[in-house]
Every structure is written in C-alpha cells, then in structure tokens.
C-alpha cells in the first residue's frame, strides 16, 4: 500500500492536535471529558482518516493503518491533554462527525 500525496495521516493528526490545543486555550470552566471519552475521540478520528484515505485497501491494510493513525494521535502532546482541553459538547459533536475535517471543526 502506498501513502497518498502529502505523507498520509500525519498532517491530519497535526491539524487535529492543533484544534485540540485551541480548544484547550479557550476552555474556561466548562465541563471537560473523561479519559475514556478521549480514547473514543482518538479512535473515531483514526477511523475517519483511514476510511477517507484508504477506502479501497484490503482489511489487513486498513487495520494496520487504523492502528498507526491511533498511535500517532495518542502520542501527540495535544491529545495527551485531551481531558483538560475538550469540552463535553465538543466531544459530542466530534463523535457524530462523518469526516476528519468535520471532527476537527467540532474542536475549534
């Protein structure tokens, strides 16, 4: 399997991480999400990225890319601060998102 132009999911991960950082800086006193909800958010984001970029790949390739995207997202500093950066309403919006761009907009 070859990576799409632009280096694959790395850019998407950086954009999502930047959106999380922005959400954290605007946080205030609103209700934040749990670590479990952060895991759901990372999983959903990784799933969306893989579905968008590797739709025609076989099941093994999709599973490998999903795992790689998830690890990349979890290792981003901004995702490590998810419980203090993301509000409950942003999480709800992000979990309903049907594209990685839509998910990122929920976190802006």
PDB file of N, CA and C in Angstrom:
ATOM      1  N   UNK A   1       0.859  -1.179   0.000  1.00  0.00           N
ATOM      2  CA  UNK A   1       0.000   0.000   0.000  1.00  0.00           C
ATOM      3  C   UNK A   1       0.892   1.223   0.000  1.00  0.00           C
ATOM      4  N   UNK A   2       0.575   2.167  -0.833  1.00  0.00           N
ATOM      5  CA  UNK A   2       1.347   3.403  -0.886  1.00  0.00           C
ATOM      6  C   UNK A   2       0.616   4.499  -0.150  1.00  0.00           C
ATOM      7  N   UNK A   3       1.373   5.425   0.351  1.00  0.00           N
ATOM      8  CA  UNK A   3       0.792   6.565   1.060  1.00  0.00           C
ATOM      9  C   UNK A   3       0.276   7.571   0.037  1.00  0.00           C
ATOM     10  N   UNK A   4      -0.792   8.259   0.356  1.00  0.00           N
ATOM     11  CA  UNK A   4      -1.283   9.297  -0.544  1.00  0.00           C
ATOM     12  C   UNK A   4      -0.338  10.477  -0.548  1.00  0.00           C
ATOM     13  N   UNK A   5      -0.412  11.336  -1.558  1.00  0.00           N
ATOM     14  CA  UNK A   5       0.448  12.518  -1.588  1.00  0.00           C
ATOM     15  C   UNK A   5       0.278  13.326  -0.311  1.00  0.00           C
ATOM     16  N   UNK A   6       1.367  13.927   0.142  1.00  0.00           N
ATOM     17  CA  UNK A   6       1.297  14.743   1.349  1.00  0.00           C
ATOM     18  C   UNK A   6       1.677  13.971   2.588  1.00  0.00           C
ATOM     19  N   UNK A   7       2.066  12.696   2.476  1.00  0.00           N
ATOM     20  CA  UNK A   7       2.581  11.975   3.612  1.00  0.00           C
ATOM     21  C   UNK A   7       1.561  11.243   4.454  1.00  0.00           C
ATOM     22  N   UNK A   8       0.367  11.054   4.008  1.00  0.00           N
ATOM     23  CA  UNK A   8      -0.567  10.251   4.765  1.00  0.00           C
ATOM     24  C   UNK A   8      -1.252  11.013   5.866  1.00  0.00           C
ATOM     25  N   UNK A   9      -1.479  10.336   6.964  1.00  0.00           N
ATOM     26  CA  UNK A   9      -2.284  10.879   8.047  1.00  0.00           C
ATOM     27  C   UNK A   9      -1.571  11.848   8.951  1.00  0.00           C
ATOM     28  N   UNK A  10      -0.254  11.976   8.835  1.00  0.00           N
ATOM     29  CA  UNK A  10       0.480  12.854   9.730  1.00  0.00           C
ATOM     30  C   UNK A  10      -0.055  14.270   9.744  1.00  0.00           C
ATOM     31  N   UNK A  11      -0.376  14.825   8.600  1.00  0.00           N
ATOM     32  CA  UNK A  11      -0.908  16.190   8.531  1.00  0.00           C
ATOM     33  C   UNK A  11      -2.246  16.272   9.228  1.00  0.00           C
ATOM     34  N   UNK A  12      -3.089  15.276   9.002  1.00  0.00           N
ATOM     35  CA  UNK A  12      -4.406  15.276   9.654  1.00  0.00           C
ATOM     36  C   UNK A  12      -4.252  15.219  11.163  1.00  0.00           C
ATOM     37  N   UNK A  13      -3.310  14.435  11.650  1.00  0.00           N
ATOM     38  CA  UNK A  13      -3.065  14.340  13.088  1.00  0.00           C
ATOM     39  C   UNK A  13      -2.614  15.694  13.621  1.00  0.00           C
ATOM     40  N   UNK A  14      -1.722  16.366  12.910  1.00  0.00           N
ATOM     41  CA  UNK A  14      -1.249  17.674  13.361  1.00  0.00           C
ATOM     42  C   UNK A  14      -2.371  18.700  13.377  1.00  0.00           C
ATOM     43  N   UNK A  15      -3.239  18.670  12.378  1.00  0.00           N
ATOM     44  CA  UNK A  15      -4.371  19.601  12.343  1.00  0.00           C
ATOM     45  C   UNK A  15      -5.306  19.330  13.516  1.00  0.00           C
ATOM     46  N   UNK A  16      -5.593  18.057  13.769  1.00  0.00           N
ATOM     47  CA  UNK A  16      -6.465  17.709  14.897  1.00  0.00           C
ATOM     48  C   UNK A  16      -5.820  18.104  16.216  1.00  0.00           C
ATOM     49  N   UNK A  17      -4.525  17.895  16.340  1.00  0.00           N
ATOM     50  CA  UNK A  17      -3.826  18.265  17.563  1.00  0.00           C
ATOM     51  C   UNK A  17      -3.869  19.776  17.768  1.00  0.00           C
ATOM     52  N   UNK A  18      -3.709  20.535  16.709  1.00  0.00           N
ATOM     53  CA  UNK A  18      -3.796  21.994  16.807  1.00  0.00           C
ATOM     54  C   UNK A  18      -5.199  22.422  17.223  1.00  0.00           C
ATOM     55  N   UNK A  19      -6.213  21.750  16.693  1.00  0.00           N
ATOM     56  CA  UNK A  19      -7.592  22.070  17.080  1.00  0.00           C
ATOM     57  C   UNK A  19      -7.815  21.780  18.554  1.00  0.00           C
ATOM     58  N   UNK A  20      -7.238  20.679  19.044  1.00  0.00           N
ATOM     59  CA  UNK A  20      -7.355  20.371  20.470  1.00  0.00           C
ATOM     60  C   UNK A  20      -6.646  21.417  21.318  1.00  0.00           C
ATOM     61  N   UNK A  21      -5.492  21.878  20.864  1.00  0.00           N
ATOM     62  CA  UNK A  21      -4.767  22.908  21.610  1.00  0.00           C
ATOM     63  C   UNK A  21      -5.583  24.184  21.673  1.00  0.00           C
ATOM     64  N   UNK A  22      -6.202  24.558  20.562  1.00  0.00           N
ATOM     65  CA  UNK A  22      -7.043  25.747  20.533  1.00  0.00           C
ATOM     66  C   UNK A  22      -8.227  25.570  21.468  1.00  0.00           C
ATOM     67  N   UNK A  23      -8.849  24.404  21.444  1.00  0.00           N
ATOM     68  CA  UNK A  23      -9.981  24.148  22.335  1.00  0.00           C
ATOM     69  C   UNK A  23      -9.549  24.293  23.786  1.00  0.00           C
ATOM     70  N   UNK A  24      -8.354  23.824  24.114  1.00  0.00           N
ATOM     71  CA  UNK A  24      -7.857  23.933  25.487  1.00  0.00           C
ATOM     72  C   UNK A  24      -7.594  25.354  25.895  1.00  0.00           C
ATOM     73  N   UNK A  25      -7.128  26.173  24.984  1.00  0.00           N
ATOM     74  CA  UNK A  25      -6.825  27.561  25.325  1.00  0.00           C
ATOM     75  C   UNK A  25      -8.086  28.385  25.509  1.00  0.00           C
ATOM     76  N   UNK A  26      -9.196  27.932  24.954  1.00  0.00           N
ATOM     77  CA  UNK A  26     -10.460  28.647  25.084  1.00  0.00           C
ATOM     78  C   UNK A  26     -11.344  28.034  26.163  1.00  0.00           C
ATOM     79  N   UNK A  27     -10.835  27.026  26.860  1.00  0.00           N
ATOM     80  CA  UNK A  27     -11.586  26.186  27.772  1.00  0.00           C
ATOM     81  C   UNK A  27     -12.490  26.833  28.786  1.00  0.00           C
ATOM     82  N   UNK A  28     -11.997  27.673  29.656  1.00  0.00           N
ATOM     83  CA  UNK A  28     -12.829  28.239  30.702  1.00  0.00           C
ATOM     84  C   UNK A  28     -13.234  27.189  31.716  1.00  0.00           C
ATOM     85  N   UNK A  29     -14.435  27.303  32.257  1.00  0.00           N
ATOM     86  CA  UNK A  29     -14.905  26.429  33.325  1.00  0.00           C
ATOM     87  C   UNK A  29     -15.921  25.400  32.842  1.00  0.00           C
ATOM     88  N   UNK A  30     -16.009  25.148  31.585  1.00  0.00           N
ATOM     89  CA  UNK A  30     -16.995  24.225  31.051  1.00  0.00           C
ATOM     90  C   UNK A  30     -16.628  22.790  31.410  1.00  0.00           C
ATOM     91  N   UNK A  31     -17.609  21.903  31.315  1.00  0.00           N
ATOM     92  CA  UNK A  31     -17.413  20.504  31.655  1.00  0.00           C
ATOM     93  C   UNK A  31     -16.462  19.833  30.668  1.00  0.00           C
ATOM     94  N   UNK A  32     -15.436  19.206  31.191  1.00  0.00           N
ATOM     95  CA  UNK A  32     -14.448  18.503  30.371  1.00  0.00           C
ATOM     96  C   UNK A  32     -14.844  17.036  30.241  1.00  0.00           C
ATOM     97  N   UNK A  33     -14.140  16.318  29.385  1.00  0.00           N
ATOM     98  CA  UNK A  33     -14.461  14.915  29.153  1.00  0.00           C
ATOM     99  C   UNK A  33     -13.497  13.999  29.906  1.00  0.00           C
ATOM    100  N   UNK A  34     -13.875  12.726  29.999  1.00  0.00           N
ATOM    101  CA  UNK A  34     -13.082  11.729  30.717  1.00  0.00           C
ATOM    102  C   UNK A  34     -11.994  11.143  29.809  1.00  0.00           C
ATOM    103  N   UNK A  35     -11.085  10.385  30.403  1.00  0.00           N
ATOM    104  CA  UNK A  35     -10.040   9.716  29.641  1.00  0.00           C
ATOM    105  C   UNK A  35     -10.662   8.712  28.666  1.00  0.00           C
ATOM    106  N   UNK A  36     -11.712   8.042  29.096  1.00  0.00           N
ATOM    107  CA  UNK A  36     -12.410   7.091  28.223  1.00  0.00           C
ATOM    108  C   UNK A  36     -12.992   7.802  27.001  1.00  0.00           C
ATOM    109  N   UNK A  37     -13.560   8.970  27.207  1.00  0.00           N
ATOM    110  CA  UNK A  37     -14.107   9.739  26.088  1.00  0.00           C
ATOM    111  C   UNK A  37     -12.989  10.217  25.161  1.00  0.00           C
ATOM    112  N   UNK A  38     -11.840  10.542  25.725  1.00  0.00           N
ATOM    113  CA  UNK A  38     -10.689  10.914  24.895  1.00  0.00           C
ATOM    114  C   UNK A  38     -10.264   9.744  24.018  1.00  0.00           C
ATOM    115  N   UNK A  39     -10.252   8.551  24.580  1.00  0.00           N
ATOM    116  CA  UNK A  39      -9.909   7.353  23.804  1.00  0.00           C
ATOM    117  C   UNK A  39     -10.904   7.171  22.660  1.00  0.00           C
ATOM    118  N   UNK A  40     -12.187   7.380  22.940  1.00  0.00           N
ATOM    119  CA  UNK A  40     -13.209   7.268  21.898  1.00  0.00           C
ATOM    120  C   UNK A  40     -12.949   8.282  20.787  1.00  0.00           C
ATOM    121  N   UNK A  41     -12.578   9.484  21.174  1.00  0.00           N
ATOM    122  CA  UNK A  41     -12.315  10.551  20.212  1.00  0.00           C
ATOM    123  C   UNK A  41     -11.140  10.189  19.307  1.00  0.00           C
ATOM    124  N   UNK A  42     -10.066   9.699  19.900  1.00  0.00           N
ATOM    125  CA  UNK A  42      -8.890   9.291  19.131  1.00  0.00           C
ATOM    126  C   UNK A  42      -9.253   8.145  18.185  1.00  0.00           C
ATOM    127  N   UNK A  43      -9.988   7.169  18.692  1.00  0.00           N
ATOM    128  CA  UNK A  43     -10.387   6.029  17.858  1.00  0.00           C
ATOM    129  C   UNK A  43     -11.250   6.481  16.681  1.00  0.00           C
ATOM    130  N   UNK A  44     -12.200   7.360  16.957  1.00  0.00           N
ATOM    131  CA  UNK A  44     -13.097   7.836  15.902  1.00  0.00           C
ATOM    132  C   UNK A  44     -12.313   8.628  14.855  1.00  0.00           C
ATOM    133  N   UNK A  45     -11.406   9.479  15.311  1.00  0.00           N
ATOM    134  CA  UNK A  45     -10.594  10.256  14.379  1.00  0.00           C
ATOM    135  C   UNK A  45      -9.752   9.331  13.499  1.00  0.00           C
ATOM    136  N   UNK A  46      -9.100   8.356  14.114  1.00  0.00           N
ATOM    137  CA  UNK A  46      -8.268   7.417  13.347  1.00  0.00           C
ATOM    138  C   UNK A  46      -9.114   6.652  12.331  1.00  0.00           C
ATOM    139  N   UNK A  47     -10.293   6.234  12.728  1.00  0.00           N
ATOM    140  CA  UNK A  47     -11.196   5.514  11.823  1.00  0.00           C
ATOM    141  C   UNK A  47     -11.580   6.378  10.623  1.00  0.00           C
ATOM    142  N   UNK A  48     -11.916   7.627  10.887  1.00  0.00           N
ATOM    143  CA  UNK A  48     -12.301   8.533   9.801  1.00  0.00           C
ATOM    144  C   UNK A  48     -11.150   8.759   8.828  1.00  0.00           C
ATOM    145  N   UNK A  49      -9.954   8.993   9.346  1.00  0.00           N
ATOM    146  CA  UNK A  49      -8.792   9.239   8.490  1.00  0.00           C
ATOM    147  C   UNK A  49      -8.523   8.035   7.609  1.00  0.00           C
ATOM    148  N   UNK A  50      -8.556   6.850   8.197  1.00  0.00           N
ATOM    149  CA  UNK A  50      -8.288   5.632   7.426  1.00  0.00           C
ATOM    150  C   UNK A  50      -9.367   5.426   6.366  1.00  0.00           C
ATOM    151  N   UNK A  51     -10.609   5.605   6.733  1.00  0.00           N
ATOM    152  CA  UNK A  51     -11.715   5.421   5.785  1.00  0.00           C
ATOM    153  C   UNK A  51     -11.587   6.399   4.608  1.00  0.00           C
ATOM    154  N   UNK A  52     -11.162   7.634   4.893  1.00  0.00           N
ATOM    155  CA  UNK A  52     -11.037   8.645   3.839  1.00  0.00           C
ATOM    156  C   UNK A  52      -9.851   8.377   2.920  1.00  0.00           C
ATOM    157  N   UNK A  53      -8.759   7.946   3.482  1.00  0.00           N
ATOM    158  CA  UNK A  53      -7.527   7.835   2.693  1.00  0.00           C
ATOM    159  C   UNK A  53      -7.285   6.462   2.083  1.00  0.00           C
ATOM    160  N   UNK A  54      -7.853   5.421   2.689  1.00  0.00           N
ATOM    161  CA  UNK A  54      -7.542   4.063   2.245  1.00  0.00           C
ATOM    162  C   UNK A  54      -8.803   3.249   1.998  1.00  0.00           C
ATOM    163  N   UNK A  55      -9.817   3.882   1.458  1.00  0.00           N
ATOM    164  CA  UNK A  55     -11.114   3.230   1.266  1.00  0.00           C
ATOM    165  C   UNK A  55     -11.028   1.969   0.412  1.00  0.00           C
ATOM    166  N   UNK A  56     -10.098   1.933  -0.523  1.00  0.00           N
ATOM    167  CA  UNK A  56     -10.009   0.785  -1.420  1.00  0.00           C
ATOM    168  C   UNK A  56      -8.990  -0.260  -0.965  1.00  0.00           C
ATOM    169  N   UNK A  57      -8.407  -0.078   0.211  1.00  0.00           N
ATOM    170  CA  UNK A  57      -7.418  -1.027   0.724  1.00  0.00           C
ATOM    171  C   UNK A  57      -8.125  -2.252   1.302  1.00  0.00           C
ATOM    172  N   UNK A  58      -7.375  -3.341   1.410  1.00  0.00           N
ATOM    173  CA  UNK A  58      -7.909  -4.571   1.989  1.00  0.00           C
ATOM    174  C   UNK A  58      -8.022  -4.475   3.507  1.00  0.00           C
ATOM    175  N   UNK A  59      -8.697  -5.432   4.123  1.00  0.00           N
ATOM    176  CA  UNK A  59      -8.943  -5.395   5.570  1.00  0.00           C
ATOM    177  C   UNK A  59      -7.661  -5.342   6.423  1.00  0.00           C
ATOM    178  N   UNK A  60      -6.630  -6.095   6.040  1.00  0.00           N
ATOM    179  CA  UNK A  60      -5.390  -6.083   6.819  1.00  0.00           C
ATOM    180  C   UNK A  60      -4.707  -4.722   6.745  1.00  0.00           C
ATOM    181  N   UNK A  61      -4.684  -4.142   5.561  1.00  0.00           N
ATOM    182  CA  UNK A  61      -4.055  -2.831   5.381  1.00  0.00           C
ATOM    183  C   UNK A  61      -4.829  -1.760   6.149  1.00  0.00           C
ATOM    184  N   UNK A  62      -6.135  -1.836   6.119  1.00  0.00           N
ATOM    185  CA  UNK A  62      -6.956  -0.863   6.847  1.00  0.00           C
ATOM    186  C   UNK A  62      -6.718  -0.994   8.348  1.00  0.00           C
ATOM    187  N   UNK A  63      -6.669  -2.218   8.843  1.00  0.00           N
ATOM    188  CA  UNK A  63      -6.431  -2.435  10.277  1.00  0.00           C
ATOM    189  C   UNK A  63      -5.067  -1.892  10.688  1.00  0.00           C
ATOM    190  N   UNK A  64      -4.043  -2.119   9.873  1.00  0.00           N
ATOM    191  CA  UNK A  64      -2.704  -1.627  10.182  1.00  0.00           C
ATOM    192  C   UNK A  64      -2.659  -0.105  10.175  1.00  0.00           C
ATOM    193  N   UNK A  65      -3.298   0.508   9.198  1.00  0.00           N
ATOM    194  CA  UNK A  65      -3.326   1.973   9.126  1.00  0.00           C
ATOM    195  C   UNK A  65      -4.120   2.568  10.280  1.00  0.00           C
ATOM    196  N   UNK A  66      -5.222   1.930  10.652  1.00  0.00           N
ATOM    197  CA  UNK A  66      -6.027   2.409  11.774  1.00  0.00           C
ATOM    198  C   UNK A  66      -5.182   2.411  13.055  1.00  0.00           C
ATOM    199  N   UNK A  67      -4.441   1.339  13.272  1.00  0.00           N
ATOM    200  CA  UNK A  67      -3.576   1.250  14.451  1.00  0.00           C
ATOM    201  C   UNK A  67      -2.489   2.320  14.411  1.00  0.00           C
ATOM    202  N   UNK A  68      -1.882   2.527  13.236  1.00  0.00           N
ATOM    203  CA  UNK A  68      -0.842   3.530  13.100  1.00  0.00           C
ATOM    204  C   UNK A  68      -1.400   4.929  13.360  1.00  0.00           C
ATOM    205  N   UNK A  69      -2.538   5.248  12.784  1.00  0.00           N
ATOM    206  CA  UNK A  69      -3.161   6.564  12.987  1.00  0.00           C
ATOM    207  C   UNK A  69      -3.509   6.782  14.457  1.00  0.00           C
ATOM    208  N   UNK A  70      -4.037   5.747  15.095  1.00  0.00           N
ATOM    209  CA  UNK A  70      -4.416   5.852  16.504  1.00  0.00           C
ATOM    210  C   UNK A  70      -3.175   6.128  17.367  1.00  0.00           C
ATOM    211  N   UNK A  71      -2.099   5.387  17.109  1.00  0.00           N
ATOM    212  CA  UNK A  71      -0.864   5.591  17.885  1.00  0.00           C
ATOM    213  C   UNK A  71      -0.303   6.986  17.659  1.00  0.00           C
ATOM    214  N   UNK A  72      -0.323   7.434  16.432  1.00  0.00           N
ATOM    215  CA  UNK A  72       0.186   8.764  16.109  1.00  0.00           C
ATOM    216  C   UNK A  72      -0.620   9.835  16.846  1.00  0.00           C
ATOM    217  N   UNK A  73      -1.930   9.672  16.856  1.00  0.00           N
ATOM    218  CA  UNK A  73      -2.791  10.638  17.548  1.00  0.00           C
ATOM    219  C   UNK A  73      -2.550  10.608  19.052  1.00  0.00           C
ATOM    220  N   UNK A  74      -2.472   9.410  19.615  1.00  0.00           N
ATOM    221  CA  UNK A  74      -2.276   9.300  21.065  1.00  0.00           C
ATOM    222  C   UNK A  74      -0.940   9.871  21.511  1.00  0.00           C
ATOM    223  N   UNK A  75       0.051   9.837  20.639  1.00  0.00           N
ATOM    224  CA  UNK A  75       1.379  10.337  21.002  1.00  0.00           C
ATOM    225  C   UNK A  75       1.536  11.841  20.816  1.00  0.00           C
ATOM    226  N   UNK A  76       0.570  12.491  20.183  1.00  0.00           N
ATOM    227  CA  UNK A  76       0.625  13.946  20.015  1.00  0.00           C
ATOM    228  C   UNK A  76       0.387  14.600  21.379  1.00  0.00           C
ATOM    229  N   UNK A  77       1.200  15.583  21.724  1.00  0.00           N
ATOM    230  CA  UNK A  77       1.088  16.247  23.027  1.00  0.00           C
ATOM    231  C   UNK A  77      -0.316  16.771  23.286  1.00  0.00           C
ATOM    232  N   UNK A  78      -0.939  17.330  22.266  1.00  0.00           N
ATOM    233  CA  UNK A  78      -2.263  17.912  22.444  1.00  0.00           C
ATOM    234  C   UNK A  78      -3.311  16.867  22.808  1.00  0.00           C
ATOM    235  N   UNK A  79      -3.187  15.661  22.276  1.00  0.00           N
ATOM    236  CA  UNK A  79      -4.125  14.614  22.637  1.00  0.00           C
ATOM    237  C   UNK A  79      -3.882  14.128  24.061  1.00  0.00           C
ATOM    238  N   UNK A  80      -2.644  14.238  24.524  1.00  0.00           N
ATOM    239  CA  UNK A  80      -2.348  13.851  25.902  1.00  0.00           C
ATOM    240  C   UNK A  80      -3.069  14.767  26.888  1.00  0.00           C
ATOM    241  N   UNK A  81      -3.419  15.979  26.457  1.00  0.00           N
ATOM    242  CA  UNK A  81      -4.135  16.935  27.296  1.00  0.00           C
ATOM    243  C   UNK A  81      -5.630  16.944  27.004  1.00  0.00           C
ATOM    244  N   UNK A  82      -6.108  15.933  26.370  1.00  0.00           N
ATOM    245  CA  UNK A  82      -7.499  15.877  25.924  1.00  0.00           C
ATOM    246  C   UNK A  82      -8.486  16.117  27.062  1.00  0.00           C
ATOM    247  N   UNK A  83      -8.258  15.517  28.222  1.00  0.00           N
ATOM    248  CA  UNK A  83      -9.229  15.642  29.316  1.00  0.00           C
ATOM    249  C   UNK A  83      -9.334  17.065  29.852  1.00  0.00           C
ATOM    250  N   UNK A  84      -8.329  17.877  29.618  1.00  0.00           N
ATOM    251  CA  UNK A  84      -8.396  19.268  30.062  1.00  0.00           C
ATOM    252  C   UNK A  84      -8.690  20.226  28.920  1.00  0.00           C
ATOM    253  N   UNK A  85      -8.632  19.718  27.692  1.00  0.00           N
ATOM    254  CA  UNK A  85      -8.800  20.591  26.531  1.00  0.00           C
ATOM    255  C   UNK A  85     -10.168  20.495  25.858  1.00  0.00           C
ATOM    256  N   UNK A  86     -10.802  19.341  25.932  1.00  0.00           N
ATOM    257  CA  UNK A  86     -12.026  19.121  25.171  1.00  0.00           C
ATOM    258  C   UNK A  86     -13.243  19.178  26.097  1.00  0.00           C
ATOM    259  N   UNK A  87     -14.224  19.932  25.679  1.00  0.00           N
ATOM    260  CA  UNK A  87     -15.467  20.049  26.447  1.00  0.00           C
ATOM    261  C   UNK A  87     -16.460  18.980  25.992  1.00  0.00           C
ATOM    262  N   UNK A  88     -17.419  18.698  26.843  1.00  0.00           N
ATOM    263  CA  UNK A  88     -18.405  17.649  26.565  1.00  0.00           C
ATOM    264  C   UNK A  88     -19.167  17.909  25.264  1.00  0.00           C
ATOM    265  N   UNK A  89     -19.561  19.162  25.026  1.00  0.00           N
ATOM    266  CA  UNK A  89     -20.312  19.460  23.794  1.00  0.00           C
ATOM    267  C   UNK A  89     -19.431  19.287  22.553  1.00  0.00           C
ATOM    268  N   UNK A  90     -18.139  19.573  22.656  1.00  0.00           N
ATOM    269  CA  UNK A  90     -17.219  19.369  21.531  1.00  0.00           C
ATOM    270  C   UNK A  90     -17.056  17.878  21.254  1.00  0.00           C
ATOM    271  N   UNK A  91     -16.957  17.086  22.312  1.00  0.00           N
ATOM    272  CA  UNK A  91     -16.828  15.638  22.168  1.00  0.00           C
ATOM    273  C   UNK A  91     -18.062  15.064  21.480  1.00  0.00           C
ATOM    274  N   UNK A  92     -19.236  15.507  21.914  1.00  0.00           N
ATOM    275  CA  UNK A  92     -20.482  15.030  21.323  1.00  0.00           C
ATOM    276  C   UNK A  92     -20.522  15.339  19.829  1.00  0.00           C
ATOM    277  N   UNK A  93     -20.163  16.546  19.467  1.00  0.00           N
ATOM    278  CA  UNK A  93     -20.119  16.946  18.061  1.00  0.00           C
ATOM    279  C   UNK A  93     -19.112  16.086  17.298  1.00  0.00           C
ATOM    280  N   UNK A  94     -17.916  15.925  17.851  1.00  0.00           N
ATOM    281  CA  UNK A  94     -16.846  15.178  17.181  1.00  0.00           C
ATOM    282  C   UNK A  94     -17.237  13.715  16.957  1.00  0.00           C
ATOM    283  N   UNK A  95     -17.925  13.120  17.919  1.00  0.00           N
ATOM    284  CA  UNK A  95     -18.301  11.718  17.784  1.00  0.00           C
ATOM    285  C   UNK A  95     -19.386  11.513  16.722  1.00  0.00           C
ATOM    286  N   UNK A  96     -20.119  12.561  16.393  1.00  0.00           N
ATOM    287  CA  UNK A  96     -21.130  12.485  15.338  1.00  0.00           C
ATOM    288  C   UNK A  96     -20.541  12.797  13.962  1.00  0.00           C
ATOM    289  N   UNK A  97     -19.331  13.333  13.933  1.00  0.00           N
ATOM    290  CA  UNK A  97     -18.699  13.745  12.677  1.00  0.00           C
ATOM    291  C   UNK A  97     -18.517  12.553  11.742  1.00  0.00           C
ATOM    292  N   UNK A  98     -18.738  12.822  10.463  1.00  0.00           N
ATOM    293  CA  UNK A  98     -18.600  11.777   9.451  1.00  0.00           C
ATOM    294  C   UNK A  98     -17.383  11.972   8.563  1.00  0.00           C
ATOM    295  N   UNK A  99     -16.551  12.959   8.891  1.00  0.00           N
ATOM    296  CA  UNK A  99     -15.284  13.160   8.185  1.00  0.00           C
ATOM    297  C   UNK A  99     -14.272  13.714   9.188  1.00  0.00           C
ATOM    298  N   UNK A 100     -12.998  13.547   8.869  1.00  0.00           N
ATOM    299  CA  UNK A 100     -11.969  14.066   9.772  1.00  0.00           C
ATOM    300  C   UNK A 100     -12.034  15.596   9.828  1.00  0.00           C
ATOM    301  N   UNK A 101     -12.349  16.237   8.713  1.00  0.00           N
ATOM    302  CA  UNK A 101     -12.484  17.696   8.710  1.00  0.00           C
ATOM    303  C   UNK A 101     -13.618  18.150   9.613  1.00  0.00           C
ATOM    304  N   UNK A 102     -14.740  17.453   9.555  1.00  0.00           N
ATOM    305  CA  UNK A 102     -15.888  17.787  10.410  1.00  0.00           C
ATOM    306  C   UNK A 102     -15.538  17.607  11.884  1.00  0.00           C
ATOM    307  N   UNK A 103     -14.805  16.542  12.186  1.00  0.00           N
ATOM    308  CA  UNK A 103     -14.391  16.307  13.571  1.00  0.00           C
ATOM    309  C   UNK A 103     -13.511  17.439  14.057  1.00  0.00           C
ATOM    310  N   UNK A 104     -12.557  17.852  13.244  1.00  0.00           N
ATOM    311  CA  UNK A 104     -11.648  18.933  13.612  1.00  0.00           C
ATOM    312  C   UNK A 104     -12.424  20.224  13.845  1.00  0.00           C
ATOM    313  N   UNK A 105     -13.408  20.503  13.013  1.00  0.00           N
ATOM    314  CA  UNK A 105     -14.213  21.720  13.193  1.00  0.00           C
ATOM    315  C   UNK A 105     -14.949  21.709  14.521  1.00  0.00           C
ATOM    316  N   UNK A 106     -15.360  20.536  14.984  1.00  0.00           N
ATOM    317  CA  UNK A 106     -16.027  20.447  16.277  1.00  0.00           C
ATOM    318  C   UNK A 106     -15.106  20.872  17.416  1.00  0.00           C
ATOM    319  N   UNK A 107     -13.817  20.729  17.219  1.00  0.00           N
ATOM    320  CA  UNK A 107     -12.848  21.022  18.274  1.00  0.00           C
ATOM    321  C   UNK A 107     -12.289  22.433  18.198  1.00  0.00           C
ATOM    322  N   UNK A 108     -12.669  23.179  17.183  1.00  0.00           N
ATOM    323  CA  UNK A 108     -12.152  24.540  17.017  1.00  0.00           C
ATOM    324  C   UNK A 108     -12.879  25.513  17.907  1.00  0.00           C
TER     325      UNK A 108
END
